[in-house]
Amino acid sequence: MIVVLAGGVGAARFLEGLVQVVHPETITAIVNTGDDMMFHGLHVSPDVDIVTYTLAGIVDESQGWGVRDDTIATLEMLATLGAETWFRLGDRDMAFHIRRTELLRAGWTLSQVADSFRRALGVGVRLLPMSNEPVATEINTPVGWLHFQQYLVQRRAQDAVLGVRFVGIEAARPSPGVLEALQAAEYIVIAPSNPVVSVGTILAVPGIRDAIMAARAPVVAVSPIVAGAPIKGPAAPLMRAMGIEVSARGVAHCYRGLVDALVIDRADATLAEDIRDLGITAIVADTIMRGPVEKRRLATEVLAAAKTTLRQRS
């Protein structure tokens, strides 16, 4: 079994490649829920939805989120009625949030909802929200603390980042199956997701980091930073705010002591020796996933690295 720690778009695209290489039923994705937020009275779970839509083949590829060819009639009417519509939810996308909210109010957990949705869409990969308890990623800015979605979507990541916190993390527990999956894993992969607010949030859930440290499986991460810049998203200002160099070497420092190997892009080959000096095996590959061929190639290289990497954590 392969366990993948997953954030949003980068993780979803990596999983698209992975299901071309191994049977989907052998994959478990532990997905960030720190970005979850209520909109129009509905519980929206962005990263879980991005992964689900992508693996179901219905994602809007042009933006990496939402449902392909969706309409926004509901949003337009909400705007007419005076509602805030900065978080653009399409009509078919909205159906998922309506049904999720309905089920949560009926006593279902986030895990049960995620499993129900992925089965309804024919997704073979097992999807586990990191926790069933609410956790909110918040960004400290000159205008105060903002929910991550407000910082990223509403304010377009224009505010200076002064700090990051995960509200509710102390009371969070890994969702059912998370610790067991890590214990039973043959390989553990950290997808190319934001190390601060996607992967970092998952690792902050009490018990998950310790379970990875105790796992018998080798742990391989894929750097989301190429040539000193993120492929997508606000990783750069968030990493700088946390005192982390915005580079593949900075990613290696984030995961030092946790991972055995880090896959970096060919553009960062000169950093390989520095990464090895941190006690992490550096594997150089093409990490930019432009299409199905590149996604499959990266997944193949990551699995090959996992199969040949010795477990180095103490």
Protein backbone atom coordinates (compact mmCIF):
# COMPACT_ATOMS: atom_id res chain seq x y z
CA MET A 1 0.00 0.00 0.00
CA ILE A 2 1.14 3.51 -0.83
CA VAL A 3 0.17 6.39 1.44
CA VAL A 4 0.31 9.93 0.03
CA LEU A 5 0.12 13.10 2.11
CA ALA A 6 -1.84 15.45 -0.11
CA GLY A 7 -2.62 19.14 -0.34
CA GLY A 8 -4.45 20.59 -3.31
CA VAL A 9 -3.61 20.93 -7.01
CA GLY A 10 -0.03 19.60 -6.98
CA ALA A 11 -1.02 16.56 -4.97
CA ALA A 12 -4.05 15.89 -7.16
CA ARG A 13 -1.90 15.96 -10.29
CA PHE A 14 0.67 13.67 -8.72
CA LEU A 15 -2.08 11.21 -7.79
CA GLU A 16 -3.31 11.37 -11.40
CA GLY A 17 0.08 10.02 -12.40
CA LEU A 18 0.25 7.49 -9.61
CA VAL A 19 -3.02 5.79 -10.59
CA GLN A 20 -1.50 5.22 -14.03
CA VAL A 21 1.35 3.28 -12.45
CA VAL A 22 -0.30 1.26 -9.67
CA HIS A 23 -3.83 0.09 -8.99
CA PRO A 24 -5.89 2.90 -7.40
CA GLU A 25 -7.12 0.58 -4.63
CA THR A 26 -3.53 0.29 -3.36
CA ILE A 27 -3.34 4.06 -2.69
CA THR A 28 -4.51 5.94 0.39
CA ALA A 29 -4.38 9.75 0.31
CA ILE A 30 -4.38 11.64 3.61
CA VAL A 31 -5.74 15.06 2.62
CA ASN A 32 -5.38 18.48 4.24
CA THR A 33 -8.58 19.96 5.71
CA GLY A 34 -7.07 23.09 7.22
CA ASP A 35 -8.41 25.06 4.24
CA ASP A 36 -12.03 24.04 4.98
CA MET A 37 -14.42 26.96 5.48
CA MET A 38 -18.12 27.77 5.61
CA PHE A 39 -19.50 29.67 2.62
CA HIS A 40 -23.19 30.59 2.30
CA GLY A 41 -23.86 28.25 5.23
CA LEU A 42 -22.18 25.35 3.43
CA HIS A 43 -19.13 23.34 4.47
CA VAL A 44 -16.56 23.57 1.68
CA SER A 45 -13.53 21.26 1.77
CA PRO A 46 -11.27 22.60 -1.01
CA ASP A 47 -8.35 20.16 -0.98
CA VAL A 48 -10.51 17.07 -0.55
CA ASP A 49 -12.70 18.29 -3.41
CA ILE A 50 -9.75 19.08 -5.70
CA VAL A 51 -8.34 15.59 -5.21
CA THR A 52 -11.76 13.96 -5.63
CA TYR A 53 -12.68 15.91 -8.77
CA THR A 54 -9.26 15.31 -10.33
CA LEU A 55 -9.29 11.55 -9.77
CA ALA A 56 -12.90 11.39 -10.96
CA GLY A 57 -11.89 13.12 -14.20
CA ILE A 58 -14.27 16.06 -13.75
CA VAL A 59 -11.90 18.78 -12.55
CA ASP A 60 -11.54 22.05 -14.42
CA GLU A 61 -8.00 21.49 -15.72
CA SER A 62 -7.49 25.12 -16.66
CA GLN A 63 -7.63 26.27 -13.05
CA GLY A 64 -6.94 23.02 -11.18
CA TRP A 65 -10.08 23.22 -9.04
CA GLY A 66 -13.84 23.20 -9.48
CA VAL A 67 -15.90 21.15 -11.92
CA ARG A 68 -15.17 21.30 -15.64
CA ASP A 69 -17.67 23.34 -17.74
CA ASP A 70 -19.53 24.42 -14.60
CA THR A 71 -21.90 27.39 -14.55
CA ILE A 72 -22.31 30.09 -11.91
CA ALA A 73 -26.02 30.91 -12.04
CA THR A 74 -26.43 30.33 -8.30
CA LEU A 75 -23.49 32.58 -7.52
CA GLU A 76 -24.83 35.30 -9.81
CA MET A 77 -28.21 35.21 -8.06
CA LEU A 78 -26.49 35.30 -4.65
CA ALA A 79 -24.64 38.44 -5.79
CA THR A 80 -27.96 39.99 -6.83
CA LEU A 81 -29.25 39.26 -3.34
CA GLY A 82 -26.29 41.03 -1.77
CA ALA A 83 -24.16 38.03 -0.77
CA GLU A 84 -20.38 38.01 -0.94
CA THR A 85 -19.25 35.94 -3.91
CA TRP A 86 -15.46 36.23 -3.82
CA PHE A 87 -15.16 32.46 -3.40
CA ARG A 88 -16.42 31.30 -6.79
CA LEU A 89 -18.46 28.13 -6.36
CA GLY A 90 -19.92 26.68 -9.52
CA ASP A 91 -23.41 25.22 -9.66
CA ARG A 92 -22.38 21.55 -9.82
CA ASP A 93 -19.60 22.23 -7.33
CA MET A 94 -22.24 23.69 -5.02
CA ALA A 95 -24.12 20.37 -5.05
CA PHE A 96 -21.21 18.69 -3.27
CA HIS A 97 -21.18 21.34 -0.56
CA ILE A 98 -24.94 21.18 -0.09
CA ARG A 99 -24.85 17.41 0.26
CA ARG A 100 -21.77 17.47 2.52
CA THR A 101 -23.40 19.97 4.85
CA GLU A 102 -26.61 17.97 4.91
CA LEU A 103 -24.76 14.77 5.83
CA LEU A 104 -22.61 16.48 8.48
CA ARG A 105 -25.75 17.87 10.11
CA ALA A 106 -27.17 14.35 10.08
CA GLY A 107 -24.21 13.12 12.13
CA TRP A 108 -21.81 11.91 9.46
CA THR A 109 -18.09 12.63 9.80
CA LEU A 110 -15.91 14.30 7.17
CA SER A 111 -14.28 10.91 6.57
CA GLN A 112 -17.61 9.24 5.91
CA VAL A 113 -18.67 12.01 3.55
CA ALA A 114 -15.37 11.90 1.64
CA ASP A 115 -15.63 8.14 1.25
CA SER A 116 -19.23 8.37 0.08
CA PHE A 117 -18.42 11.03 -2.51
CA ARG A 118 -15.38 9.28 -3.95
CA ARG A 119 -17.34 6.02 -4.29
CA ALA A 120 -20.24 7.85 -5.95
CA LEU A 121 -17.78 9.26 -8.52
CA GLY A 122 -15.98 5.95 -9.08
CA VAL A 123 -12.69 7.00 -7.47
CA GLY A 124 -10.67 3.96 -6.43
CA VAL A 125 -8.13 5.80 -4.28
CA ARG A 126 -9.05 5.79 -0.61
CA LEU A 127 -9.40 9.41 0.56
CA LEU A 128 -8.95 10.19 4.25
CA PRO A 129 -9.36 13.75 5.54
CA MET A 130 -6.48 14.36 7.96
CA SER A 131 -8.96 14.83 10.83
CA ASN A 132 -12.68 14.87 11.45
CA GLU A 133 -12.25 17.72 13.93
CA PRO A 134 -12.29 21.30 12.60
CA VAL A 135 -8.87 22.85 11.98
CA ALA A 136 -8.52 26.29 10.39
CA THR A 137 -5.29 27.50 8.81
CA GLU A 138 -4.94 31.23 9.50
CA ILE A 139 -2.42 33.73 8.18
CA ASN A 140 -1.25 36.70 10.24
CA THR A 141 -1.10 39.87 8.13
CA PRO A 142 -0.86 43.62 8.76
CA VAL A 143 -4.68 43.69 8.76
CA GLY A 144 -4.90 40.88 11.31
CA TRP A 145 -5.43 37.14 11.21
CA LEU A 146 -7.15 35.90 8.06
CA HIS A 147 -8.49 32.47 7.21
CA PHE A 148 -6.27 30.97 4.52
CA GLN A 149 -9.05 31.25 1.92
CA GLN A 150 -9.51 34.95 2.71
CA TYR A 151 -5.76 35.49 2.37
CA LEU A 152 -5.41 33.47 -0.83
CA VAL A 153 -8.67 33.93 -2.71
CA GLN A 154 -10.38 37.06 -1.41
CA ARG A 155 -7.23 39.15 -1.02
CA ARG A 156 -5.20 37.29 -3.69
CA ALA A 157 -2.23 36.67 -1.37
CA GLN A 158 -1.28 40.36 -1.56
CA ASP A 159 -0.84 40.87 2.20
CA ALA A 160 2.52 40.52 3.87
CA VAL A 161 2.71 37.29 5.85
CA LEU A 162 3.69 37.70 9.50
CA GLY A 163 2.89 34.21 10.76
CA VAL A 164 0.82 31.06 10.39
CA ARG A 165 -1.29 29.17 12.89
CA PHE A 166 -3.58 26.14 12.86
CA VAL A 167 -6.62 26.94 14.99
CA GLY A 168 -8.05 23.87 16.71
CA ILE A 169 -5.02 21.67 16.00
CA GLU A 170 -4.52 20.75 19.67
CA ALA A 171 -7.95 19.12 19.84
CA ALA A 172 -7.68 17.42 16.45
CA ARG A 173 -7.17 13.69 16.09
CA PRO A 174 -6.18 11.75 13.00
CA SER A 175 -9.31 10.55 11.24
CA PRO A 176 -10.07 6.82 11.50
CA GLY A 177 -7.71 4.80 9.35
CA VAL A 178 -4.94 7.40 9.10
CA LEU A 179 -2.57 5.94 11.68
CA GLU A 180 -3.33 2.39 10.58
CA ALA A 181 -2.58 3.28 6.95
CA LEU A 182 0.76 4.82 7.89
CA GLN A 183 1.68 1.79 9.97
CA ALA A 184 0.80 -0.64 7.17
CA ALA A 185 2.26 1.41 4.30
CA GLU A 186 4.89 -0.05 2.01
CA TYR A 187 5.82 3.44 0.86
CA ILE A 188 4.92 6.90 2.17
CA VAL A 189 5.01 9.82 -0.25
CA ILE A 190 4.70 13.52 0.53
CA ALA A 191 3.19 15.01 -2.61
CA PRO A 192 4.44 18.29 -4.13
CA SER A 193 2.24 20.42 -1.89
CA ASN A 194 2.88 23.56 0.13
CA PRO A 195 5.15 22.44 3.01
CA VAL A 196 3.81 25.12 5.36
CA VAL A 197 0.03 25.13 4.98
CA SER A 198 -0.86 21.88 3.21
CA VAL A 199 1.60 19.25 4.33
CA GLY A 200 2.50 21.27 7.42
CA THR A 201 -1.11 21.22 8.57
CA ILE A 202 -1.36 17.44 8.19
CA LEU A 203 1.89 16.92 10.08
CA ALA A 204 0.64 19.20 12.88
CA VAL A 205 -2.28 16.90 13.68
CA PRO A 206 -1.21 15.20 16.93
CA GLY A 207 -0.02 11.68 16.23
CA ILE A 208 0.57 11.87 12.48
CA ARG A 209 4.22 12.96 12.48
CA ASP A 210 5.02 10.39 15.17
CA ALA A 211 3.29 7.69 13.12
CA ILE A 212 5.40 8.55 10.08
CA MET A 213 8.55 8.51 12.19
CA ALA A 214 7.63 5.10 13.55
CA ALA A 215 6.59 3.65 10.19
CA ARG A 216 8.68 0.93 8.61
CA ALA A 217 8.11 2.37 5.13
CA PRO A 218 10.63 4.67 3.43
CA VAL A 219 9.34 8.24 3.14
CA VAL A 220 9.89 10.13 -0.11
CA ALA A 221 8.86 13.76 -0.64
CA VAL A 222 8.56 15.69 -3.89
CA SER A 223 9.68 19.32 -3.80
CA PRO A 224 6.98 21.81 -4.88
CA ILE A 225 9.70 24.43 -5.40
CA VAL A 226 11.54 24.55 -8.73
CA ALA A 227 14.36 27.00 -9.44
CA GLY A 228 13.50 29.06 -6.37
CA ALA A 229 9.78 29.44 -7.03
CA PRO A 230 6.61 27.43 -6.38
CA ILE A 231 4.88 25.86 -9.36
CA LYS A 232 1.54 27.13 -8.04
CA GLY A 233 0.24 28.90 -4.95
CA PRO A 234 1.67 31.15 -2.22
CA ALA A 235 4.39 28.86 -0.85
CA ALA A 236 7.10 31.51 -1.29
CA PRO A 237 5.78 34.22 1.11
CA LEU A 238 4.65 31.59 3.60
CA MET A 239 8.04 29.86 3.61
CA ARG A 240 9.86 33.19 3.96
CA ALA A 241 7.60 34.17 6.87
CA MET A 242 8.58 30.95 8.64
CA GLY A 243 12.28 31.61 8.03
CA ILE A 244 12.54 28.91 5.37
CA GLU A 245 14.59 29.43 2.22
CA VAL A 246 12.38 29.30 -0.88
CA SER A 247 14.22 26.50 -2.63
CA ALA A 248 14.39 22.74 -2.84
CA ARG A 249 17.03 23.01 -0.11
CA GLY A 250 14.50 24.88 2.05
CA VAL A 251 11.97 22.10 1.48
CA ALA A 252 14.62 19.61 2.58
CA HIS A 253 15.09 21.56 5.81
CA CYS A 254 11.30 21.46 6.37
CA TYR A 255 11.30 17.68 6.14
CA ARG A 256 14.68 16.97 7.73
CA GLY A 257 14.44 14.02 10.11
CA LEU A 258 11.11 12.96 8.62
CA VAL A 259 11.87 11.92 5.05
CA ASP A 260 14.49 9.58 3.65
CA ALA A 261 14.57 11.02 0.15
CA LEU A 262 13.57 14.20 -1.66
CA VAL A 263 12.82 14.31 -5.37
CA ILE A 264 13.95 17.64 -6.83
CA ASP A 265 13.72 19.08 -10.32
CA ARG A 266 16.62 19.01 -12.77
CA ALA A 267 16.72 22.80 -12.51
CA ASP A 268 17.83 22.32 -8.89
CA ALA A 269 20.43 19.62 -9.50
CA THR A 270 23.17 21.83 -8.05
CA LEU A 271 21.40 21.64 -4.66
CA ALA A 272 21.55 17.85 -4.50
CA GLU A 273 24.79 17.72 -2.55
CA ASP A 274 23.50 20.23 0.04
CA ILE A 275 20.40 18.09 0.50
CA ARG A 276 22.48 14.94 0.92
CA ASP A 277 24.49 16.76 3.58
CA LEU A 278 21.23 17.00 5.56
CA GLY A 279 21.00 13.22 5.61
CA ILE A 280 18.38 13.08 2.85
CA THR A 281 18.87 11.19 -0.39
CA ALA A 282 18.42 13.63 -3.29
CA ILE A 283 16.88 12.31 -6.48
CA VAL A 284 16.94 14.55 -9.56
CA ALA A 285 14.00 14.23 -11.97
CA ASP A 286 11.61 16.19 -14.14
CA THR A 287 9.00 17.28 -11.60
CA ILE A 288 6.83 19.69 -13.61
CA MET A 289 3.59 17.87 -14.48
CA ARG A 290 2.38 19.46 -17.72
CA GLY A 291 0.25 16.52 -18.89
CA PRO A 292 -0.53 12.82 -18.41
CA VAL A 293 2.87 11.68 -19.70
CA GLU A 294 4.79 13.89 -17.27
CA LYS A 295 2.50 12.93 -14.38
CA ARG A 296 3.05 9.23 -15.05
CA ARG A 297 6.80 9.72 -15.44
CA LEU A 298 7.11 11.55 -12.13
CA ALA A 299 5.02 8.93 -10.29
CA THR A 300 7.21 6.19 -11.77
CA GLU A 301 10.39 7.94 -10.66
CA VAL A 302 9.04 8.56 -7.16
CA LEU A 303 8.10 4.90 -6.76
CA ALA A 304 11.48 3.82 -8.08
CA ALA A 305 13.11 6.12 -5.52
CA ALA A 306 10.96 4.68 -2.74
CA LYS A 307 11.91 1.14 -3.70
CA THR A 308 15.63 1.88 -3.62
CA THR A 309 15.81 4.33 -0.71
CA LEU A 310 16.97 3.02 2.61
CA ARG A 311 15.09 4.09 5.69
CA GLN A 312 17.37 6.66 7.31
CA ARG A 313 15.28 8.17 10.08
CA SER A 314 16.44 7.48 13.61
